[in-house]
């Protein structure tokens, strides 16, 4: 039951992020190749947005409170890694 809720939330968050990403990329015609560092940074930004929203969903929907800290720690570690990478790229 818990897994089903997570999957449903994951899907709805994913759809929202994909829609935003699609709209943003429509405007950004200058990103011609996937190897473009700017394009990679854009992707990282959406990964951060996705993880942050998903983390909020877990807070709201989780019935097993003991799972939350471990999941959040992993997500926070990933987001901070992405931020460090961004700084290094700049």
PDB file of N, CA and C in Angstrom:
ATOM      1  N   UNK A   1       0.831  -1.206   0.000  1.00  0.00           N
ATOM      2  CA  UNK A   1       0.000   0.000   0.000  1.00  0.00           C
ATOM      3  C   UNK A   1       0.869   1.262   0.000  1.00  0.00           C
ATOM      4  N   UNK A   2       1.862   1.258   0.888  1.00  0.00           N
ATOM      5  CA  UNK A   2       2.791   2.395   0.962  1.00  0.00           C
ATOM      6  C   UNK A   2       3.509   2.589  -0.375  1.00  0.00           C
ATOM      7  N   UNK A   3       3.949   1.469  -0.982  1.00  0.00           N
ATOM      8  CA  UNK A   3       4.669   1.531  -2.260  1.00  0.00           C
ATOM      9  C   UNK A   3       3.781   2.087  -3.372  1.00  0.00           C
ATOM     10  N   UNK A   4       2.498   1.703  -3.367  1.00  0.00           N
ATOM     11  CA  UNK A   4       1.562   2.210  -4.377  1.00  0.00           C
ATOM     12  C   UNK A   4       1.409   3.723  -4.280  1.00  0.00           C
ATOM     13  N   UNK A   5       1.312   4.216  -3.050  1.00  0.00           N
ATOM     14  CA  UNK A   5       1.185   5.666  -2.863  1.00  0.00           C
ATOM     15  C   UNK A   5       2.435   6.390  -3.346  1.00  0.00           C
ATOM     16  N   UNK A   6       3.574   5.832  -3.014  1.00  0.00           N
ATOM     17  CA  UNK A   6       4.842   6.420  -3.468  1.00  0.00           C
ATOM     18  C   UNK A   6       4.876   6.450  -4.996  1.00  0.00           C
ATOM     19  N   UNK A   7       4.511   5.327  -5.624  1.00  0.00           N
ATOM     20  CA  UNK A   7       4.543   5.254  -7.089  1.00  0.00           C
ATOM     21  C   UNK A   7       3.598   6.260  -7.726  1.00  0.00           C
ATOM     22  N   UNK A   8       2.397   6.386  -7.160  1.00  0.00           N
ATOM     23  CA  UNK A   8       1.440   7.359  -7.702  1.00  0.00           C
ATOM     24  C   UNK A   8       1.970   8.781  -7.571  1.00  0.00           C
ATOM     25  N   UNK A   9       2.524   9.083  -6.404  1.00  0.00           N
ATOM     26  CA  UNK A   9       3.079  10.426  -6.173  1.00  0.00           C
ATOM     27  C   UNK A   9       4.256  10.687  -7.086  1.00  0.00           C
ATOM     28  N   UNK A  10       5.107   9.688  -7.224  1.00  0.00           N
ATOM     29  CA  UNK A  10       6.286   9.779  -8.082  1.00  0.00           C
ATOM     30  C   UNK A  10       5.853  10.116  -9.508  1.00  0.00           C
ATOM     31  N   UNK A  11       4.786   9.422  -9.993  1.00  0.00           N
ATOM     32  CA  UNK A  11       4.292   9.625 -11.351  1.00  0.00           C
ATOM     33  C   UNK A  11       3.736  11.040 -11.533  1.00  0.00           C
ATOM     34  N   UNK A  12       2.941  11.519 -10.570  1.00  0.00           N
ATOM     35  CA  UNK A  12       2.323  12.842 -10.723  1.00  0.00           C
ATOM     36  C   UNK A  12       3.376  13.947 -10.666  1.00  0.00           C
ATOM     37  N   UNK A  13       4.360  13.797  -9.758  1.00  0.00           N
ATOM     38  CA  UNK A  13       5.441  14.780  -9.677  1.00  0.00           C
ATOM     39  C   UNK A  13       6.243  14.756 -10.972  1.00  0.00           C
ATOM     40  N   UNK A  14       6.523  13.548 -11.469  1.00  0.00           N
ATOM     41  CA  UNK A  14       7.292  13.386 -12.697  1.00  0.00           C
ATOM     42  C   UNK A  14       6.591  14.075 -13.869  1.00  0.00           C
ATOM     43  N   UNK A  15       5.277  13.908 -13.973  1.00  0.00           N
ATOM     44  CA  UNK A  15       4.521  14.540 -15.063  1.00  0.00           C
ATOM     45  C   UNK A  15       4.606  16.060 -14.994  1.00  0.00           C
ATOM     46  N   UNK A  16       4.484  16.614 -13.770  1.00  0.00           N
ATOM     47  CA  UNK A  16       4.562  18.074 -13.618  1.00  0.00           C
ATOM     48  C   UNK A  16       5.931  18.595 -14.036  1.00  0.00           C
ATOM     49  N   UNK A  17       6.962  17.907 -13.578  1.00  0.00           N
ATOM     50  CA  UNK A  17       8.327  18.344 -13.892  1.00  0.00           C
ATOM     51  C   UNK A  17       8.587  18.228 -15.387  1.00  0.00           C
ATOM     52  N   UNK A  18       8.146  17.127 -16.000  1.00  0.00           N
ATOM     53  CA  UNK A  18       8.327  16.940 -17.443  1.00  0.00           C
ATOM     54  C   UNK A  18       7.635  18.059 -18.225  1.00  0.00           C
ATOM     55  N   UNK A  19       6.457  18.459 -17.769  1.00  0.00           N
ATOM     56  CA  UNK A  19       5.725  19.511 -18.465  1.00  0.00           C
ATOM     57  C   UNK A  19       6.488  20.836 -18.386  1.00  0.00           C
ATOM     58  N   UNK A  20       6.980  21.160 -17.177  1.00  0.00           N
ATOM     59  CA  UNK A  20       7.766  22.397 -17.015  1.00  0.00           C
ATOM     60  C   UNK A  20       9.024  22.354 -17.863  1.00  0.00           C
ATOM     61  N   UNK A  21       9.668  21.196 -17.850  1.00  0.00           N
ATOM     62  CA  UNK A  21      10.913  21.035 -18.607  1.00  0.00           C
ATOM     63  C   UNK A  21      10.641  21.219 -20.098  1.00  0.00           C
ATOM     64  N   UNK A  22       9.557  20.626 -20.569  1.00  0.00           N
ATOM     65  CA  UNK A  22       9.193  20.722 -21.978  1.00  0.00           C
ATOM     66  C   UNK A  22       8.964  22.187 -22.376  1.00  0.00           C
ATOM     67  N   UNK A  23       8.229  22.920 -21.541  1.00  0.00           N
ATOM     68  CA  UNK A  23       7.949  24.324 -21.844  1.00  0.00           C
ATOM     69  C   UNK A  23       9.236  25.144 -21.858  1.00  0.00           C
ATOM     70  N   UNK A  24      10.117  24.875 -20.897  1.00  0.00           N
ATOM     71  CA  UNK A  24      11.369  25.616 -20.826  1.00  0.00           C
ATOM     72  C   UNK A  24      12.251  25.316 -22.030  1.00  0.00           C
ATOM     73  N   UNK A  25      12.303  24.048 -22.432  1.00  0.00           N
ATOM     74  CA  UNK A  25      13.156  23.666 -23.556  1.00  0.00           C
ATOM     75  C   UNK A  25      12.617  24.175 -24.891  1.00  0.00           C
ATOM     76  N   UNK A  26      11.298  24.364 -24.975  1.00  0.00           N
ATOM     77  CA  UNK A  26      10.731  24.949 -26.194  1.00  0.00           C
ATOM     78  C   UNK A  26      11.304  26.342 -26.424  1.00  0.00           C
ATOM     79  N   UNK A  27      11.451  27.112 -25.325  1.00  0.00           N
ATOM     80  CA  UNK A  27      12.000  28.470 -25.433  1.00  0.00           C
ATOM     81  C   UNK A  27      13.503  28.447 -25.671  1.00  0.00           C
ATOM     82  N   UNK A  28      14.163  27.407 -25.173  1.00  0.00           N
ATOM     83  CA  UNK A  28      15.620  27.379 -25.225  1.00  0.00           C
ATOM     84  C   UNK A  28      16.113  26.644 -26.470  1.00  0.00           C
ATOM     85  N   UNK A  29      15.891  27.224 -27.625  1.00  0.00           N
ATOM     86  CA  UNK A  29      16.293  26.593 -28.890  1.00  0.00           C
ATOM     87  C   UNK A  29      17.814  26.564 -29.042  1.00  0.00           C
ATOM     88  N   UNK A  30      18.511  27.398 -28.251  1.00  0.00           N
ATOM     89  CA  UNK A  30      19.965  27.458 -28.387  1.00  0.00           C
ATOM     90  C   UNK A  30      20.671  26.209 -27.860  1.00  0.00           C
ATOM     91  N   UNK A  31      19.959  25.382 -27.059  1.00  0.00           N
ATOM     92  CA  UNK A  31      20.580  24.164 -26.573  1.00  0.00           C
ATOM     93  C   UNK A  31      20.515  23.100 -27.663  1.00  0.00           C
ATOM     94  N   UNK A  32      21.504  23.114 -28.541  1.00  0.00           N
ATOM     95  CA  UNK A  32      21.445  22.256 -29.728  1.00  0.00           C
ATOM     96  C   UNK A  32      21.845  20.810 -29.425  1.00  0.00           C
ATOM     97  N   UNK A  33      22.815  20.630 -28.519  1.00  0.00           N
ATOM     98  CA  UNK A  33      23.296  19.264 -28.281  1.00  0.00           C
ATOM     99  C   UNK A  33      23.190  18.890 -26.810  1.00  0.00           C
ATOM    100  N   UNK A  34      23.070  17.612 -26.562  1.00  0.00           N
ATOM    101  CA  UNK A  34      22.960  17.128 -25.190  1.00  0.00           C
ATOM    102  C   UNK A  34      24.280  17.262 -24.441  1.00  0.00           C
ATOM    103  N   UNK A  35      25.378  17.397 -25.181  1.00  0.00           N
ATOM    104  CA  UNK A  35      26.686  17.522 -24.535  1.00  0.00           C
ATOM    105  C   UNK A  35      26.948  18.962 -24.084  1.00  0.00           C
ATOM    106  N   UNK A  36      26.075  19.877 -24.472  1.00  0.00           N
ATOM    107  CA  UNK A  36      26.201  21.272 -24.070  1.00  0.00           C
ATOM    108  C   UNK A  36      26.132  21.382 -22.544  1.00  0.00           C
ATOM    109  N   UNK A  37      27.155  21.990 -21.900  1.00  0.00           N
ATOM    110  CA  UNK A  37      27.160  22.086 -20.429  1.00  0.00           C
ATOM    111  C   UNK A  37      25.918  22.814 -19.888  1.00  0.00           C
ATOM    112  N   UNK A  38      25.440  23.807 -20.629  1.00  0.00           N
ATOM    113  CA  UNK A  38      24.252  24.550 -20.193  1.00  0.00           C
ATOM    114  C   UNK A  38      23.049  23.607 -20.136  1.00  0.00           C
ATOM    115  N   UNK A  39      22.947  22.730 -21.115  1.00  0.00           N
ATOM    116  CA  UNK A  39      21.836  21.777 -21.152  1.00  0.00           C
ATOM    117  C   UNK A  39      21.925  20.822 -19.965  1.00  0.00           C
ATOM    118  N   UNK A  40      23.152  20.392 -19.643  1.00  0.00           N
ATOM    119  CA  UNK A  40      23.350  19.489 -18.513  1.00  0.00           C
ATOM    120  C   UNK A  40      22.954  20.173 -17.207  1.00  0.00           C
ATOM    121  N   UNK A  41      23.307  21.441 -17.062  1.00  0.00           N
ATOM    122  CA  UNK A  41      22.938  22.194 -15.860  1.00  0.00           C
ATOM    123  C   UNK A  41      21.420  22.322 -15.760  1.00  0.00           C
ATOM    124  N   UNK A  42      20.778  22.527 -16.897  1.00  0.00           N
ATOM    125  CA  UNK A  42      19.324  22.636 -16.938  1.00  0.00           C
ATOM    126  C   UNK A  42      18.698  21.334 -16.444  1.00  0.00           C
ATOM    127  N   UNK A  43      19.235  20.214 -16.902  1.00  0.00           N
ATOM    128  CA  UNK A  43      18.745  18.907 -16.457  1.00  0.00           C
ATOM    129  C   UNK A  43      18.922  18.726 -14.955  1.00  0.00           C
ATOM    130  N   UNK A  44      20.079  19.137 -14.439  1.00  0.00           N
ATOM    131  CA  UNK A  44      20.346  19.013 -13.005  1.00  0.00           C
ATOM    132  C   UNK A  44      19.350  19.833 -12.205  1.00  0.00           C
ATOM    133  N   UNK A  45      19.032  21.014 -12.734  1.00  0.00           N
ATOM    134  CA  UNK A  45      18.083  21.890 -12.051  1.00  0.00           C
ATOM    135  C   UNK A  45      16.727  21.176 -11.912  1.00  0.00           C
ATOM    136  N   UNK A  46      16.319  20.490 -12.959  1.00  0.00           N
ATOM    137  CA  UNK A  46      15.037  19.790 -12.912  1.00  0.00           C
ATOM    138  C   UNK A  46      15.091  18.561 -12.017  1.00  0.00           C
ATOM    139  N   UNK A  47      16.252  17.919 -11.963  1.00  0.00           N
ATOM    140  CA  UNK A  47      16.404  16.787 -11.039  1.00  0.00           C
ATOM    141  C   UNK A  47      16.231  17.281  -9.605  1.00  0.00           C
ATOM    142  N   UNK A  48      16.843  18.429  -9.290  1.00  0.00           N
ATOM    143  CA  UNK A  48      16.713  19.019  -7.950  1.00  0.00           C
ATOM    144  C   UNK A  48      15.253  19.354  -7.654  1.00  0.00           C
ATOM    145  N   UNK A  49      14.595  19.975  -8.629  1.00  0.00           N
ATOM    146  CA  UNK A  49      13.183  20.348  -8.468  1.00  0.00           C
ATOM    147  C   UNK A  49      12.339  19.105  -8.219  1.00  0.00           C
ATOM    148  N   UNK A  50      12.607  18.071  -9.005  1.00  0.00           N
ATOM    149  CA  UNK A  50      11.853  16.826  -8.887  1.00  0.00           C
ATOM    150  C   UNK A  50      12.051  16.203  -7.503  1.00  0.00           C
ATOM    151  N   UNK A  51      13.303  16.090  -7.074  1.00  0.00           N
ATOM    152  CA  UNK A  51      13.592  15.457  -5.788  1.00  0.00           C
ATOM    153  C   UNK A  51      13.000  16.246  -4.633  1.00  0.00           C
ATOM    154  N   UNK A  52      13.076  17.576  -4.719  1.00  0.00           N
ATOM    155  CA  UNK A  52      12.533  18.410  -3.651  1.00  0.00           C
ATOM    156  C   UNK A  52      11.017  18.208  -3.538  1.00  0.00           C
ATOM    157  N   UNK A  53      10.324  18.191  -4.675  1.00  0.00           N
ATOM    158  CA  UNK A  53       8.872  18.010  -4.686  1.00  0.00           C
ATOM    159  C   UNK A  53       8.514  16.619  -4.195  1.00  0.00           C
ATOM    160  N   UNK A  54       9.303  15.630  -4.608  1.00  0.00           N
ATOM    161  CA  UNK A  54       9.037  14.252  -4.202  1.00  0.00           C
ATOM    162  C   UNK A  54       9.238  14.099  -2.693  1.00  0.00           C
ATOM    163  N   UNK A  55      10.247  14.808  -2.167  1.00  0.00           N
ATOM    164  CA  UNK A  55      10.509  14.758  -0.729  1.00  0.00           C
ATOM    165  C   UNK A  55       9.310  15.319   0.037  1.00  0.00           C
ATOM    166  N   UNK A  56       8.743  16.412  -0.461  1.00  0.00           N
ATOM    167  CA  UNK A  56       7.553  16.989   0.167  1.00  0.00           C
ATOM    168  C   UNK A  56       6.396  15.999   0.127  1.00  0.00           C
ATOM    169  N   UNK A  57       6.264  15.298  -0.996  1.00  0.00           N
ATOM    170  CA  UNK A  57       5.196  14.296  -1.124  1.00  0.00           C
ATOM    171  C   UNK A  57       5.366  13.197  -0.075  1.00  0.00           C
ATOM    172  N   UNK A  58       6.597  12.748   0.134  1.00  0.00           N
ATOM    173  CA  UNK A  58       6.849  11.697   1.126  1.00  0.00           C
ATOM    174  C   UNK A  58       6.462  12.196   2.523  1.00  0.00           C
ATOM    175  N   UNK A  59       6.813  13.450   2.828  1.00  0.00           N
ATOM    176  CA  UNK A  59       6.442  14.014   4.125  1.00  0.00           C
ATOM    177  C   UNK A  59       4.925  13.986   4.318  1.00  0.00           C
ATOM    178  N   UNK A  60       4.191  14.365   3.264  1.00  0.00           N
ATOM    179  CA  UNK A  60       2.741  14.470   3.375  1.00  0.00           C
ATOM    180  C   UNK A  60       2.058  13.107   3.443  1.00  0.00           C
ATOM    181  N   UNK A  61       2.545  12.153   2.673  1.00  0.00           N
ATOM    182  CA  UNK A  61       1.804  10.906   2.494  1.00  0.00           C
ATOM    183  C   UNK A  61       2.303   9.715   3.307  1.00  0.00           C
ATOM    184  N   UNK A  62       3.488   9.817   3.882  1.00  0.00           N
ATOM    185  CA  UNK A  62       4.080   8.616   4.486  1.00  0.00           C
ATOM    186  C   UNK A  62       3.423   8.268   5.814  1.00  0.00           C
ATOM    187  N   UNK A  63       3.116   6.978   5.951  1.00  0.00           N
ATOM    188  CA  UNK A  63       2.591   6.496   7.223  1.00  0.00           C
ATOM    189  C   UNK A  63       3.683   5.836   8.051  1.00  0.00           C
ATOM    190  N   UNK A  64       4.783   5.517   7.418  1.00  0.00           N
ATOM    191  CA  UNK A  64       5.895   4.899   8.136  1.00  0.00           C
ATOM    192  C   UNK A  64       6.948   5.960   8.400  1.00  0.00           C
ATOM    193  N   UNK A  65       6.794   6.662   9.477  1.00  0.00           N
ATOM    194  CA  UNK A  65       7.651   7.826   9.775  1.00  0.00           C
ATOM    195  C   UNK A  65       9.134   7.443   9.871  1.00  0.00           C
ATOM    196  N   UNK A  66       9.415   6.214  10.293  1.00  0.00           N
ATOM    197  CA  UNK A  66      10.812   5.818  10.474  1.00  0.00           C
ATOM    198  C   UNK A  66      11.574   5.740   9.154  1.00  0.00           C
ATOM    199  N   UNK A  67      10.854   5.674   8.041  1.00  0.00           N
ATOM    200  CA  UNK A  67      11.534   5.601   6.736  1.00  0.00           C
ATOM    201  C   UNK A  67      11.972   6.981   6.257  1.00  0.00           C
ATOM    202  N   UNK A  68      11.268   8.007   6.692  1.00  0.00           N
ATOM    203  CA  UNK A  68      11.471   9.358   6.140  1.00  0.00           C
ATOM    204  C   UNK A  68      12.915   9.866   6.301  1.00  0.00           C
ATOM    205  N   UNK A  69      13.502   9.811   7.510  1.00  0.00           N
ATOM    206  CA  UNK A  69      14.848  10.386   7.644  1.00  0.00           C
ATOM    207  C   UNK A  69      15.873   9.782   6.689  1.00  0.00           C
ATOM    208  N   UNK A  70      15.815   8.456   6.494  1.00  0.00           N
ATOM    209  CA  UNK A  70      16.786   7.819   5.587  1.00  0.00           C
ATOM    210  C   UNK A  70      16.596   8.298   4.154  1.00  0.00           C
ATOM    211  N   UNK A  71      15.344   8.353   3.704  1.00  0.00           N
ATOM    212  CA  UNK A  71      15.050   8.790   2.331  1.00  0.00           C
ATOM    213  C   UNK A  71      15.506  10.236   2.153  1.00  0.00           C
ATOM    214  N   UNK A  72      15.168  11.096   3.116  1.00  0.00           N
ATOM    215  CA  UNK A  72      15.531  12.510   3.025  1.00  0.00           C
ATOM    216  C   UNK A  72      17.030  12.725   3.017  1.00  0.00           C
ATOM    217  N   UNK A  73      17.733  11.931   3.823  1.00  0.00           N
ATOM    218  CA  UNK A  73      19.186  12.065   3.879  1.00  0.00           C
ATOM    219  C   UNK A  73      19.793  11.774   2.508  1.00  0.00           C
ATOM    220  N   UNK A  74      19.294  10.714   1.866  1.00  0.00           N
ATOM    221  CA  UNK A  74      19.795  10.338   0.534  1.00  0.00           C
ATOM    222  C   UNK A  74      19.485  11.429  -0.483  1.00  0.00           C
ATOM    223  N   UNK A  75      18.267  11.956  -0.435  1.00  0.00           N
ATOM    224  CA  UNK A  75      17.861  13.006  -1.384  1.00  0.00           C
ATOM    225  C   UNK A  75      18.691  14.268  -1.163  1.00  0.00           C
ATOM    226  N   UNK A  76      18.857  14.670   0.102  1.00  0.00           N
ATOM    227  CA  UNK A  76      19.645  15.870   0.408  1.00  0.00           C
ATOM    228  C   UNK A  76      21.084  15.721  -0.045  1.00  0.00           C
ATOM    229  N   UNK A  77      21.641  14.526   0.138  1.00  0.00           N
ATOM    230  CA  UNK A  77      23.017  14.279  -0.283  1.00  0.00           C
ATOM    231  C   UNK A  77      23.132  14.461  -1.799  1.00  0.00           C
ATOM    232  N   UNK A  78      22.142  13.941  -2.539  1.00  0.00           N
ATOM    233  CA  UNK A  78      22.170  14.060  -3.998  1.00  0.00           C
ATOM    234  C   UNK A  78      22.060  15.520  -4.424  1.00  0.00           C
ATOM    235  N   UNK A  79      21.122  16.252  -3.811  1.00  0.00           N
ATOM    236  CA  UNK A  79      20.924  17.654  -4.181  1.00  0.00           C
ATOM    237  C   UNK A  79      22.188  18.464  -3.894  1.00  0.00           C
ATOM    238  N   UNK A  80      22.829  18.229  -2.747  1.00  0.00           N
ATOM    239  CA  UNK A  80      24.040  18.985  -2.428  1.00  0.00           C
ATOM    240  C   UNK A  80      25.166  18.626  -3.400  1.00  0.00           C
ATOM    241  N   UNK A  81      25.230  17.370  -3.837  1.00  0.00           N
ATOM    242  CA  UNK A  81      26.233  16.957  -4.834  1.00  0.00           C
ATOM    243  C   UNK A  81      26.009  17.709  -6.137  1.00  0.00           C
ATOM    244  N   UNK A  82      24.731  17.826  -6.547  1.00  0.00           N
ATOM    245  CA  UNK A  82      24.416  18.540  -7.790  1.00  0.00           C
ATOM    246  C   UNK A  82      24.812  20.002  -7.657  1.00  0.00           C
ATOM    247  N   UNK A  83      24.550  20.602  -6.496  1.00  0.00           N
ATOM    248  CA  UNK A  83      24.918  22.018  -6.288  1.00  0.00           C
ATOM    249  C   UNK A  83      26.423  22.212  -6.388  1.00  0.00           C
ATOM    250  N   UNK A  84      27.175  21.302  -5.782  1.00  0.00           N
ATOM    251  CA  UNK A  84      28.650  21.383  -5.844  1.00  0.00           C
ATOM    252  C   UNK A  84      29.105  21.273  -7.297  1.00  0.00           C
ATOM    253  N   UNK A  85      28.503  20.348  -8.048  1.00  0.00           N
ATOM    254  CA  UNK A  85      28.860  20.164  -9.457  1.00  0.00           C
ATOM    255  C   UNK A  85      28.590  21.448 -10.237  1.00  0.00           C
ATOM    256  N   UNK A  86      27.458  22.080  -9.950  1.00  0.00           N
ATOM    257  CA  UNK A  86      27.113  23.327 -10.643  1.00  0.00           C
ATOM    258  C   UNK A  86      28.176  24.381 -10.401  1.00  0.00           C
ATOM    259  N   UNK A  87      28.584  24.531  -9.143  1.00  0.00           N
ATOM    260  CA  UNK A  87      29.594  25.529  -8.791  1.00  0.00           C
ATOM    261  C   UNK A  87      30.899  25.240  -9.529  1.00  0.00           C
ATOM    262  N   UNK A  88      31.288  23.953  -9.575  1.00  0.00           N
ATOM    263  CA  UNK A  88      32.525  23.579 -10.253  1.00  0.00           C
ATOM    264  C   UNK A  88      32.448  23.876 -11.752  1.00  0.00           C
ATOM    265  N   UNK A  89      31.265  23.654 -12.357  1.00  0.00           N
ATOM    266  CA  UNK A  89      31.120  23.907 -13.795  1.00  0.00           C
ATOM    267  C   UNK A  89      31.240  25.403 -14.080  1.00  0.00           C
ATOM    268  N   UNK A  90      30.654  26.227 -13.217  1.00  0.00           N
ATOM    269  CA  UNK A  90      30.762  27.678 -13.419  1.00  0.00           C
ATOM    270  C   UNK A  90      32.197  28.125 -13.223  1.00  0.00           C
TER     271      UNK A  90
END
